[in-house]
Amino acid sequence: MIRQGVALTVSGGYPDLTRYVAVLESALPYVRWGGMSLKADQGLTELTLQLFLLDEVAR
């Protein structure tokens, strides 16, 4: 198996970030989720998350 991943960091209002995650979940049903962290500092909310795609390797 090959695991390819990406880390994303986005910022915005909390409702916008929760909608963003919901859209990712519905648009990418085969993606596996890694860690997710939320940081708020002086009105700015930042979301960092990891997404992984698993693929079988033909041998």
PDB file of N, CA and C in Angstrom:
ATOM      1  N   MET A   1       0.845  -1.173   0.000  1.00  0.00           N
ATOM      2  CA  MET A   1       0.000   0.000   0.000  1.00  0.00           C
ATOM      3  C   MET A   1       0.892   1.239   0.000  1.00  0.00           C
ATOM      4  N   ILE A   2       0.434   2.227  -0.713  1.00  0.00           N
ATOM      5  CA  ILE A   2       1.101   3.521  -0.736  1.00  0.00           C
ATOM      6  C   ILE A   2       0.187   4.518  -0.043  1.00  0.00           C
ATOM      7  N   ARG A   3       0.770   5.320   0.812  1.00  0.00           N
ATOM      8  CA  ARG A   3       0.001   6.362   1.496  1.00  0.00           C
ATOM      9  C   ARG A   3       0.548   7.709   1.066  1.00  0.00           C
ATOM     10  N   GLN A   4      -0.298   8.495   0.427  1.00  0.00           N
ATOM     11  CA  GLN A   4       0.075   9.845   0.032  1.00  0.00           C
ATOM     12  C   GLN A   4      -0.729  10.803   0.894  1.00  0.00           C
ATOM     13  N   GLY A   5      -0.083  11.858   1.364  1.00  0.00           N
ATOM     14  CA  GLY A   5      -0.786  12.762   2.254  1.00  0.00           C
ATOM     15  C   GLY A   5      -0.487  14.215   1.963  1.00  0.00           C
ATOM     16  N   VAL A   6      -1.331  15.033   2.529  1.00  0.00           N
ATOM     17  CA  VAL A   6      -1.178  16.474   2.416  1.00  0.00           C
ATOM     18  C   VAL A   6      -1.628  17.095   3.738  1.00  0.00           C
ATOM     19  N   ALA A   7      -0.940  18.151   4.133  1.00  0.00           N
ATOM     20  CA  ALA A   7      -1.343  18.929   5.303  1.00  0.00           C
ATOM     21  C   ALA A   7      -1.876  20.264   4.807  1.00  0.00           C
ATOM     22  N   LEU A   8      -3.034  20.638   5.291  1.00  0.00           N
ATOM     23  CA  LEU A   8      -3.672  21.890   4.903  1.00  0.00           C
ATOM     24  C   LEU A   8      -3.824  22.784   6.119  1.00  0.00           C
ATOM     25  N   THR A   9      -3.607  24.069   5.930  1.00  0.00           N
ATOM     26  CA  THR A   9      -3.893  25.056   6.960  1.00  0.00           C
ATOM     27  C   THR A   9      -4.744  26.151   6.340  1.00  0.00           C
ATOM     28  N   VAL A  10      -5.893  26.383   6.924  1.00  0.00           N
ATOM     29  CA  VAL A  10      -6.809  27.416   6.451  1.00  0.00           C
ATOM     30  C   VAL A  10      -7.239  28.254   7.651  1.00  0.00           C
ATOM     31  N   SER A  11      -7.647  29.478   7.392  1.00  0.00           N
ATOM     32  CA  SER A  11      -8.093  30.339   8.485  1.00  0.00           C
ATOM     33  C   SER A  11      -9.383  31.036   8.093  1.00  0.00           C
ATOM     34  N   GLY A  12     -10.132  31.417   9.097  1.00  0.00           N
ATOM     35  CA  GLY A  12     -11.398  32.098   8.879  1.00  0.00           C
ATOM     36  C   GLY A  12     -12.252  31.991  10.122  1.00  0.00           C
ATOM     37  N   GLY A  13     -13.507  32.292   9.973  1.00  0.00           N
ATOM     38  CA  GLY A  13     -14.436  32.155  11.086  1.00  0.00           C
ATOM     39  C   GLY A  13     -14.738  30.691  11.352  1.00  0.00           C
ATOM     40  N   TYR A  14     -15.077  30.378  12.593  1.00  0.00           N
ATOM     41  CA  TYR A  14     -15.349  28.992  12.962  1.00  0.00           C
ATOM     42  C   TYR A  14     -16.461  28.366  12.115  1.00  0.00           C
ATOM     43  N   PRO A  15     -17.577  29.068  11.867  1.00  0.00           N
ATOM     44  CA  PRO A  15     -18.619  28.465  11.018  1.00  0.00           C
ATOM     45  C   PRO A  15     -18.111  28.163   9.602  1.00  0.00           C
ATOM     46  N   ASP A  16     -17.270  29.035   9.058  1.00  0.00           N
ATOM     47  CA  ASP A  16     -16.706  28.800   7.729  1.00  0.00           C
ATOM     48  C   ASP A  16     -15.801  27.571   7.720  1.00  0.00           C
ATOM     49  N   LEU A  17     -15.020  27.405   8.772  1.00  0.00           N
ATOM     50  CA  LEU A  17     -14.108  26.259   8.845  1.00  0.00           C
ATOM     51  C   LEU A  17     -14.876  24.948   8.996  1.00  0.00           C
ATOM     52  N   THR A  18     -15.948  24.949   9.763  1.00  0.00           N
ATOM     53  CA  THR A  18     -16.731  23.716   9.895  1.00  0.00           C
ATOM     54  C   THR A  18     -17.417  23.362   8.577  1.00  0.00           C
ATOM     55  N   ARG A  19     -17.886  24.375   7.835  1.00  0.00           N
ATOM     56  CA  ARG A  19     -18.459  24.106   6.502  1.00  0.00           C
ATOM     57  C   ARG A  19     -17.395  23.566   5.562  1.00  0.00           C
ATOM     58  N   TYR A  20     -16.177  24.102   5.638  1.00  0.00           N
ATOM     59  CA  TYR A  20     -15.072  23.649   4.791  1.00  0.00           C
ATOM     60  C   TYR A  20     -14.791  22.164   5.028  1.00  0.00           C
ATOM     61  N   VAL A  21     -14.751  21.754   6.283  1.00  0.00           N
ATOM     62  CA  VAL A  21     -14.511  20.345   6.617  1.00  0.00           C
ATOM     63  C   VAL A  21     -15.658  19.478   6.098  1.00  0.00           C
ATOM     64  N   ALA A  22     -16.885  19.941   6.245  1.00  0.00           N
ATOM     65  CA  ALA A  22     -18.039  19.174   5.755  1.00  0.00           C
ATOM     66  C   ALA A  22     -17.981  19.002   4.238  1.00  0.00           C
ATOM     67  N   VAL A  23     -17.580  20.039   3.516  1.00  0.00           N
ATOM     68  CA  VAL A  23     -17.455  19.947   2.061  1.00  0.00           C
ATOM     69  C   VAL A  23     -16.350  18.963   1.683  1.00  0.00           C
ATOM     70  N   LEU A  24     -15.223  19.009   2.379  1.00  0.00           N
ATOM     71  CA  LEU A  24     -14.142  18.049   2.106  1.00  0.00           C
ATOM     72  C   LEU A  24     -14.614  16.613   2.329  1.00  0.00           C
ATOM     73  N   GLU A  25     -15.328  16.391   3.422  1.00  0.00           N
ATOM     74  CA  GLU A  25     -15.819  15.038   3.726  1.00  0.00           C
ATOM     75  C   GLU A  25     -16.734  14.511   2.629  1.00  0.00           C
ATOM     76  N   SER A  26     -17.619  15.350   2.112  1.00  0.00           N
ATOM     77  CA  SER A  26     -18.552  14.873   1.095  1.00  0.00           C
ATOM     78  C   SER A  26     -17.909  14.796  -0.288  1.00  0.00           C
ATOM     79  N   ALA A  27     -16.958  15.671  -0.574  1.00  0.00           N
ATOM     80  CA  ALA A  27     -16.327  15.688  -1.900  1.00  0.00           C
ATOM     81  C   ALA A  27     -15.246  14.623  -2.049  1.00  0.00           C
ATOM     82  N   LEU A  28     -14.660  14.201  -0.944  1.00  0.00           N
ATOM     83  CA  LEU A  28     -13.545  13.250  -0.991  1.00  0.00           C
ATOM     84  C   LEU A  28     -13.836  12.040  -0.094  1.00  0.00           C
ATOM     85  N   PRO A  29     -14.790  11.185  -0.477  1.00  0.00           N
ATOM     86  CA  PRO A  29     -15.185  10.089   0.411  1.00  0.00           C
ATOM     87  C   PRO A  29     -14.105   9.025   0.639  1.00  0.00           C
ATOM     88  N   TYR A  30     -13.116   8.934  -0.231  1.00  0.00           N
ATOM     89  CA  TYR A  30     -12.089   7.900  -0.078  1.00  0.00           C
ATOM     90  C   TYR A  30     -10.848   8.391   0.649  1.00  0.00           C
ATOM     91  N   VAL A  31     -10.863   9.626   1.063  1.00  0.00           N
ATOM     92  CA  VAL A  31      -9.728  10.191   1.784  1.00  0.00           C
ATOM     93  C   VAL A  31      -9.823   9.797   3.253  1.00  0.00           C
ATOM     94  N   ARG A  32      -8.691   9.490   3.838  1.00  0.00           N
ATOM     95  CA  ARG A  32      -8.622   9.171   5.267  1.00  0.00           C
ATOM     96  C   ARG A  32      -8.064  10.388   5.996  1.00  0.00           C
ATOM     97  N   TRP A  33      -8.593  10.623   7.178  1.00  0.00           N
ATOM     98  CA  TRP A  33      -8.224  11.802   7.947  1.00  0.00           C
ATOM     99  C   TRP A  33      -7.120  11.474   8.944  1.00  0.00           C
ATOM    100  N   GLY A  34      -6.171  12.391   9.047  1.00  0.00           N
ATOM    101  CA  GLY A  34      -5.127  12.308  10.061  1.00  0.00           C
ATOM    102  C   GLY A  34      -5.465  13.280  11.180  1.00  0.00           C
ATOM    103  N   GLY A  35      -4.441  13.907  11.712  1.00  0.00           N
ATOM    104  CA  GLY A  35      -4.636  14.852  12.802  1.00  0.00           C
ATOM    105  C   GLY A  35      -5.326  16.131  12.353  1.00  0.00           C
ATOM    106  N   MET A  36      -6.026  16.748  13.302  1.00  0.00           N
ATOM    107  CA  MET A  36      -6.697  18.011  13.040  1.00  0.00           C
ATOM    108  C   MET A  36      -6.520  18.876  14.283  1.00  0.00           C
ATOM    109  N   SER A  37      -6.106  20.132  14.086  1.00  0.00           N
ATOM    110  CA  SER A  37      -5.964  21.027  15.234  1.00  0.00           C
ATOM    111  C   SER A  37      -6.575  22.380  14.905  1.00  0.00           C
ATOM    112  N   LEU A  38      -7.090  23.012  15.928  1.00  0.00           N
ATOM    113  CA  LEU A  38      -7.751  24.295  15.794  1.00  0.00           C
ATOM    114  C   LEU A  38      -7.078  25.270  16.751  1.00  0.00           C
ATOM    115  N   LYS A  39      -6.718  26.446  16.242  1.00  0.00           N
ATOM    116  CA  LYS A  39      -6.049  27.444  17.062  1.00  0.00           C
ATOM    117  C   LYS A  39      -6.753  28.785  16.861  1.00  0.00           C
ATOM    118  N   ALA A  40      -7.076  29.455  17.959  1.00  0.00           N
ATOM    119  CA  ALA A  40      -7.718  30.768  17.881  1.00  0.00           C
ATOM    120  C   ALA A  40      -6.821  31.788  18.568  1.00  0.00           C
ATOM    121  N   ASP A  41      -6.609  32.914  17.885  1.00  0.00           N
ATOM    122  CA  ASP A  41      -5.755  33.959  18.439  1.00  0.00           C
ATOM    123  C   ASP A  41      -6.256  35.322  17.974  1.00  0.00           C
ATOM    124  N   GLN A  42      -6.801  36.090  18.876  1.00  0.00           N
ATOM    125  CA  GLN A  42      -7.258  37.458  18.609  1.00  0.00           C
ATOM    126  C   GLN A  42      -8.208  37.539  17.408  1.00  0.00           C
ATOM    127  N   GLY A  43      -9.235  36.723  17.434  1.00  0.00           N
ATOM    128  CA  GLY A  43     -10.253  36.774  16.396  1.00  0.00           C
ATOM    129  C   GLY A  43      -9.964  35.964  15.151  1.00  0.00           C
ATOM    130  N   LEU A  44      -8.754  35.455  15.007  1.00  0.00           N
ATOM    131  CA  LEU A  44      -8.399  34.636  13.846  1.00  0.00           C
ATOM    132  C   LEU A  44      -8.400  33.174  14.268  1.00  0.00           C
ATOM    133  N   THR A  45      -9.171  32.361  13.574  1.00  0.00           N
ATOM    134  CA  THR A  45      -9.220  30.926  13.847  1.00  0.00           C
ATOM    135  C   THR A  45      -8.505  30.209  12.721  1.00  0.00           C
ATOM    136  N   GLU A  46      -7.575  29.317  13.092  1.00  0.00           N
ATOM    137  CA  GLU A  46      -6.765  28.597  12.110  1.00  0.00           C
ATOM    138  C   GLU A  46      -6.949  27.097  12.297  1.00  0.00           C
ATOM    139  N   LEU A  47      -7.253  26.414  11.203  1.00  0.00           N
ATOM    140  CA  LEU A  47      -7.453  24.971  11.215  1.00  0.00           C
ATOM    141  C   LEU A  47      -6.347  24.312  10.408  1.00  0.00           C
ATOM    142  N   THR A  48      -5.675  23.347  11.011  1.00  0.00           N
ATOM    143  CA  THR A  48      -4.662  22.549  10.315  1.00  0.00           C
ATOM    144  C   THR A  48      -5.126  21.103  10.344  1.00  0.00           C
ATOM    145  N   LEU A  49      -5.119  20.472   9.164  1.00  0.00           N
ATOM    146  CA  LEU A  49      -5.553  19.081   9.103  1.00  0.00           C
ATOM    147  C   LEU A  49      -4.710  18.304   8.104  1.00  0.00           C
ATOM    148  N   GLN A  50      -4.709  16.994   8.292  1.00  0.00           N
ATOM    149  CA  GLN A  50      -3.981  16.084   7.404  1.00  0.00           C
ATOM    150  C   GLN A  50      -4.979  15.168   6.716  1.00  0.00           C
ATOM    151  N   LEU A  51      -4.767  14.978   5.412  1.00  0.00           N
ATOM    152  CA  LEU A  51      -5.586  14.070   4.621  1.00  0.00           C
ATOM    153  C   LEU A  51      -4.675  13.054   3.946  1.00  0.00           C
ATOM    154  N   PHE A  52      -5.135  11.801   3.857  1.00  0.00           N
ATOM    155  CA  PHE A  52      -4.337  10.735   3.260  1.00  0.00           C
ATOM    156  C   PHE A  52      -5.160   9.957   2.254  1.00  0.00           C
ATOM    157  N   LEU A  53      -4.496   9.521   1.204  1.00  0.00           N
ATOM    158  CA  LEU A  53      -5.097   8.647   0.209  1.00  0.00           C
ATOM    159  C   LEU A  53      -4.298   7.356   0.214  1.00  0.00           C
ATOM    160  N   LEU A  54      -4.971   6.243   0.418  1.00  0.00           N
ATOM    161  CA  LEU A  54      -4.327   4.939   0.409  1.00  0.00           C
ATOM    162  C   LEU A  54      -4.567   4.301  -0.951  1.00  0.00           C
ATOM    163  N   ASP A  55      -3.525   3.677  -1.488  1.00  0.00           N
ATOM    164  CA  ASP A  55      -3.641   3.059  -2.798  1.00  0.00           C
ATOM    165  C   ASP A  55      -2.862   1.750  -2.796  1.00  0.00           C
ATOM    166  N   GLU A  56      -3.421   0.742  -3.428  1.00  0.00           N
ATOM    167  CA  GLU A  56      -2.717  -0.540  -3.538  1.00  0.00           C
ATOM    168  C   GLU A  56      -1.727  -0.466  -4.684  1.00  0.00           C
ATOM    169  N   VAL A  57      -0.612  -1.154  -4.514  1.00  0.00           N
ATOM    170  CA  VAL A  57       0.422  -1.199  -5.535  1.00  0.00           C
ATOM    171  C   VAL A  57       0.350  -2.555  -6.225  1.00  0.00           C
ATOM    172  N   ALA A  58       0.221  -2.558  -7.543  1.00  0.00           N
ATOM    173  CA  ALA A  58       0.218  -3.815  -8.293  1.00  0.00           C
ATOM    174  C   ALA A  58       1.647  -4.330  -8.376  1.00  0.00           C
ATOM    175  N   ARG A  59       1.841  -5.588  -8.054  1.00  0.00           N
ATOM    176  CA  ARG A  59       3.194  -6.167  -8.086  1.00  0.00           C
ATOM    177  C   ARG A  59       3.244  -7.297  -9.076  1.00  0.00           C
TER     178      ARG A  59
END
